[in-house]
Amino acid sequence: MKRALELVAATVATLVIAGCGPEPLPKYSPPSNGPTLKVVQEVDTGTDNSPSVALWVYNGNCDFTLLGELEPSQISGGVTIPSGKDLVVGATFDRSLFVSMLTGNNTTLTETRVFSSKNGADYTLKLIYNRMGYAVDVLENGIKLPFRRACGY
């Protein structure tokens, strides 16, 4: 069982990190109505980038459907998301701030969270990235949701 969870974690990480490779993720196309997701960034200016954000529908049993990567205007202005779904939101950060001093390599890290979207709710994705570390929090109507990752890894 542990090996299966490790394989799922590696698969999801590969899917999430694929947005950093040569082929970009498809752009997110929001539904006409549903809850709103706003992205709040507390990113050190020294990181020289803005995190990228992507959405998936979690179908259960470690199965995901990619909805796409948010465009910069959707990140800065908010976007409509599907209602009544378990969603996976992933944020990818440039780790050059942390790693380049030690190794000279520029790498990325991706952190994901799962939440159940509800009609009439407002969601905030809070991205924190600074010299001390990083965090990704999902808030529903201003209240931080419990930490959830897909597939229990």
Protein backbone atom coordinates (compact mmCIF):
# COMPACT_ATOMS: atom_id res chain seq x y z
CA MET A 1 0.00 0.00 0.00
CA LYS A 2 2.80 2.40 0.88
CA ARG A 3 4.46 1.73 -2.48
CA ALA A 4 1.17 2.44 -4.29
CA LEU A 5 0.85 5.78 -2.48
CA GLU A 6 4.44 6.66 -3.37
CA LEU A 7 3.69 5.88 -7.02
CA VAL A 8 0.59 8.07 -6.94
CA ALA A 9 2.55 10.90 -5.33
CA ALA A 10 5.22 10.64 -8.03
CA THR A 11 2.57 10.60 -10.78
CA VAL A 12 0.79 13.68 -9.42
CA ALA A 13 4.09 15.49 -8.94
CA THR A 14 5.04 14.67 -12.52
CA LEU A 15 1.72 16.00 -13.79
CA VAL A 16 2.05 19.17 -11.74
CA ILE A 17 5.67 19.77 -12.66
CA ALA A 18 4.91 19.14 -16.32
CA GLY A 19 3.77 22.77 -16.45
CA CYS A 20 7.41 23.80 -16.00
CA GLY A 21 8.68 21.75 -18.95
CA PRO A 22 8.93 22.63 -22.62
CA GLU A 23 5.21 22.08 -23.27
CA PRO A 24 3.00 24.39 -21.21
CA LEU A 25 -0.23 23.26 -19.61
CA PRO A 26 -3.41 24.24 -21.42
CA LYS A 27 -4.94 27.50 -20.21
CA TYR A 28 -7.81 27.30 -17.75
CA SER A 29 -11.25 28.07 -19.19
CA PRO A 30 -13.57 29.08 -16.33
CA PRO A 31 -17.23 28.05 -16.17
CA SER A 32 -19.84 30.78 -16.65
CA ASN A 33 -20.94 30.57 -13.01
CA GLY A 34 -19.70 29.12 -9.77
CA PRO A 35 -17.64 30.15 -6.77
CA THR A 36 -14.78 32.60 -7.16
CA LEU A 37 -11.12 31.79 -6.52
CA LYS A 38 -8.78 34.69 -5.80
CA VAL A 39 -5.04 34.30 -5.50
CA VAL A 40 -3.20 36.31 -2.86
CA GLN A 41 0.57 36.29 -3.15
CA GLU A 42 3.08 37.08 -0.46
CA VAL A 43 6.13 36.47 -2.61
CA ASP A 44 9.54 38.01 -1.93
CA THR A 45 10.57 40.35 -4.70
CA GLY A 46 13.95 38.60 -4.73
CA THR A 47 12.39 35.48 -6.28
CA ASP A 48 12.23 37.16 -9.70
CA ASN A 49 9.00 35.38 -10.69
CA SER A 50 5.33 34.88 -9.99
CA PRO A 51 4.16 31.42 -9.03
CA SER A 52 2.11 29.55 -11.61
CA VAL A 53 -1.24 28.05 -10.56
CA ALA A 54 -3.12 25.12 -12.10
CA LEU A 55 -6.42 23.37 -11.35
CA TRP A 56 -7.55 19.75 -11.60
CA VAL A 57 -10.80 17.99 -10.74
CA TYR A 58 -10.17 15.12 -8.34
CA ASN A 59 -12.38 12.27 -9.54
CA GLY A 60 -11.52 9.99 -6.63
CA ASN A 61 -9.41 6.86 -6.50
CA CYS A 62 -6.32 8.92 -7.42
CA ASP A 63 -7.79 9.99 -10.78
CA PHE A 64 -7.46 13.61 -11.91
CA THR A 65 -8.80 15.69 -14.80
CA LEU A 66 -6.68 18.70 -15.72
CA LEU A 67 -8.68 21.92 -16.01
CA GLY A 68 -5.66 24.04 -16.93
CA GLU A 69 -3.21 26.68 -15.79
CA LEU A 70 -4.49 30.06 -14.67
CA GLU A 71 -3.42 33.00 -16.78
CA PRO A 72 -1.79 36.00 -15.06
CA SER A 73 -5.02 38.03 -15.35
CA GLN A 74 -6.93 35.20 -13.62
CA ILE A 75 -4.34 35.08 -10.86
CA SER A 76 -4.41 38.82 -10.26
CA GLY A 77 -8.17 39.36 -10.73
CA GLY A 78 -9.80 36.13 -9.58
CA VAL A 79 -11.56 33.43 -11.55
CA THR A 80 -14.73 31.35 -11.47
CA ILE A 81 -14.24 27.68 -10.57
CA PRO A 82 -16.56 24.66 -10.86
CA SER A 83 -19.05 24.21 -8.02
CA GLY A 84 -19.65 20.99 -6.13
CA LYS A 85 -16.35 19.37 -7.12
CA ASP A 86 -13.29 18.17 -5.30
CA LEU A 87 -10.59 20.36 -6.82
CA VAL A 88 -6.83 20.11 -6.69
CA VAL A 89 -5.02 23.42 -6.87
CA GLY A 90 -1.27 23.45 -7.43
CA ALA A 91 1.19 26.32 -7.16
CA THR A 92 4.66 26.08 -8.65
CA PHE A 93 7.42 28.28 -7.24
CA ASP A 94 10.90 29.01 -8.56
CA ARG A 95 13.31 27.71 -5.92
CA SER A 96 16.23 29.79 -7.14
CA LEU A 97 16.05 31.92 -4.00
CA PHE A 98 16.71 28.86 -1.82
CA VAL A 99 18.80 26.63 -4.03
CA SER A 100 21.01 28.89 -6.10
CA MET A 101 23.02 30.03 -3.08
CA LEU A 102 23.79 26.41 -2.20
CA THR A 103 24.01 24.63 -5.53
CA GLY A 104 23.88 27.18 -8.29
CA ASN A 105 20.85 25.34 -9.74
CA ASN A 106 17.51 26.95 -10.47
CA THR A 107 14.77 24.44 -9.74
CA THR A 108 11.08 24.59 -8.99
CA LEU A 109 8.84 23.17 -6.31
CA THR A 110 5.12 22.49 -6.53
CA GLU A 111 2.68 22.26 -3.67
CA THR A 112 -0.92 21.07 -4.07
CA ARG A 113 -4.06 21.22 -1.96
CA VAL A 114 -7.47 19.56 -2.32
CA PHE A 115 -10.71 21.30 -1.42
CA SER A 116 -14.41 20.77 -2.09
CA SER A 117 -15.88 23.78 -3.87
CA LYS A 118 -19.32 24.97 -2.79
CA ASN A 119 -21.73 27.17 -4.69
CA GLY A 120 -21.98 30.63 -3.12
CA ALA A 121 -18.60 30.40 -1.39
CA ASP A 122 -15.59 32.60 -2.07
CA TYR A 123 -12.14 30.99 -2.10
CA THR A 124 -8.73 32.48 -1.59
CA LEU A 125 -5.55 30.69 -2.52
CA LYS A 126 -2.84 32.17 -0.33
CA LEU A 127 0.67 31.69 -1.69
CA ILE A 128 3.55 32.51 0.63
CA TYR A 129 7.11 32.31 -0.59
CA ASN A 130 10.03 33.99 1.14
CA ARG A 131 13.49 33.35 2.52
CA MET A 132 12.00 31.28 5.35
CA GLY A 133 10.10 28.87 3.10
CA TYR A 134 6.80 28.53 1.31
CA ALA A 135 3.17 27.71 2.06
CA VAL A 136 -0.04 27.19 0.12
CA ASP A 137 -3.31 27.70 1.99
CA VAL A 138 -6.90 27.55 0.77
CA LEU A 139 -9.45 29.73 2.55
CA GLU A 140 -13.22 29.39 2.20
CA ASN A 141 -15.11 32.59 3.03
CA GLY A 142 -11.99 33.78 4.90
CA ILE A 143 -11.55 30.60 6.98
CA LYS A 144 -8.49 28.43 6.38
CA LEU A 145 -9.52 24.96 5.24
CA PRO A 146 -7.89 21.85 6.72
CA PHE A 147 -4.76 20.64 4.96
CA ARG A 148 -5.68 18.01 2.32
CA ARG A 149 -3.59 16.33 -0.34
CA ALA A 150 -4.90 14.02 -3.01
CA CYS A 151 -4.53 10.25 -2.47
CA GLY A 152 -3.35 10.61 1.12
CA TYR A 153 0.34 11.15 0.35
